[in-house]
Amino acid sequence: MIPYLKKGDKIAITCPAKKLPNPMTDAIALLQSWGLEVVLGDTVNASYHQFAGDDDLRAHDLQRFIDDGSIKAIIAARGGYGVIRMIDKVDFSRFTQNPKWLIGFSDITVLHTHLFGNYQLQSIHGQMPINIPDASARSLDTLRKALFGESLSYEFKSHTLNRSGNGNGILIGGNLSLLVVVSGSVSDIDYAGKVLFIEDVGEYLYAIDRMLRNLKRASKLANLAGLIVGGFTDVKDNDIPFGQTVPEIIMEIVKEYNYPVCFDFPAGHIPDNCSLILGKSIDLSVHEQQVTVKFV
């Protein structure tokens, strides 16, 4: 069980992937307004090509905060690309002795799956410092609630292609591209009986189809308890149109299964990127007019 935060706790900001383009003034001010003490990693100001320092530096920065017992949460400053280059340099065994919250999304999916797959540890899929200036007030409040252990649930309007039903299970997932990248590796997870969340950005329609079919062929989609689809933003198409929307692609691929499916969950590469506690059990209720997601 990871302890929830309380005022006066320390939260560390590190960059395990791409380097930062601007200072994190807004993010630091927000975290301090919640009563947290912010500790900045060496990677925050580091640069090595497109990365926030070389692989060794980024691994060392994360290791430092994993090993420091005074740090109660670690938030990735941004995603981009780079976690998979350094993750095998990090010793995560201290997480089991001194569990703490790890927060982020996109490329940080590699850390989420690694922590749950190997140690059954929960983590938070939510806004990162680079996104905070453009983030919705609701999304930031859900991050605060997740960190401080307040009740977290969502209700939103049902999409016309949703598949109705009720499902409950441990929530897993994150960025679709990264879920495919870690498949078959030490950072992979067991999907059976879980509620899967997926989102992505900047992908071609055919690539989304290909990645989902890859997961299907790997027997990842057959035994889910439910499927939650978040934002698929900046989706691209070829000169010869693919011919299906993202919801149409997904429903064709999972049509023979009977678990509930919902679209347009407010999470992903969007301003209203609401927090999800990965590794925690949820109840998913998908009905004709409304969808309810509740952490239990």
Foldseek 3Di string as FASTA:
>chain_A
DQAFDDAAAEEEEAAQFFADPDDLVVVCVVCVVRRYHYDYFQLNPADDPRHSDDLVRRQVRVQVLLPDLRHAEYEYQAADDHNVVRVVVHDNPSCLVRPHEYEEADNCLLVQLLCCAPPLDKYKYADHSVLVVLADPQQVVLVNCVRRVHWDKDKDWFDQLWAFDKFKDFEGEGELVVQLVCPPHSSHHQQAAEEYEYEYEQEEPVVLLVSLVVCVVVVNQAHHREYEYEYHYNYDADPPGPPDDNSRSVCVSCVVHRHTYGYHDHADPDSSHHMDIGSFMWMWGHDNTMIMIGTD
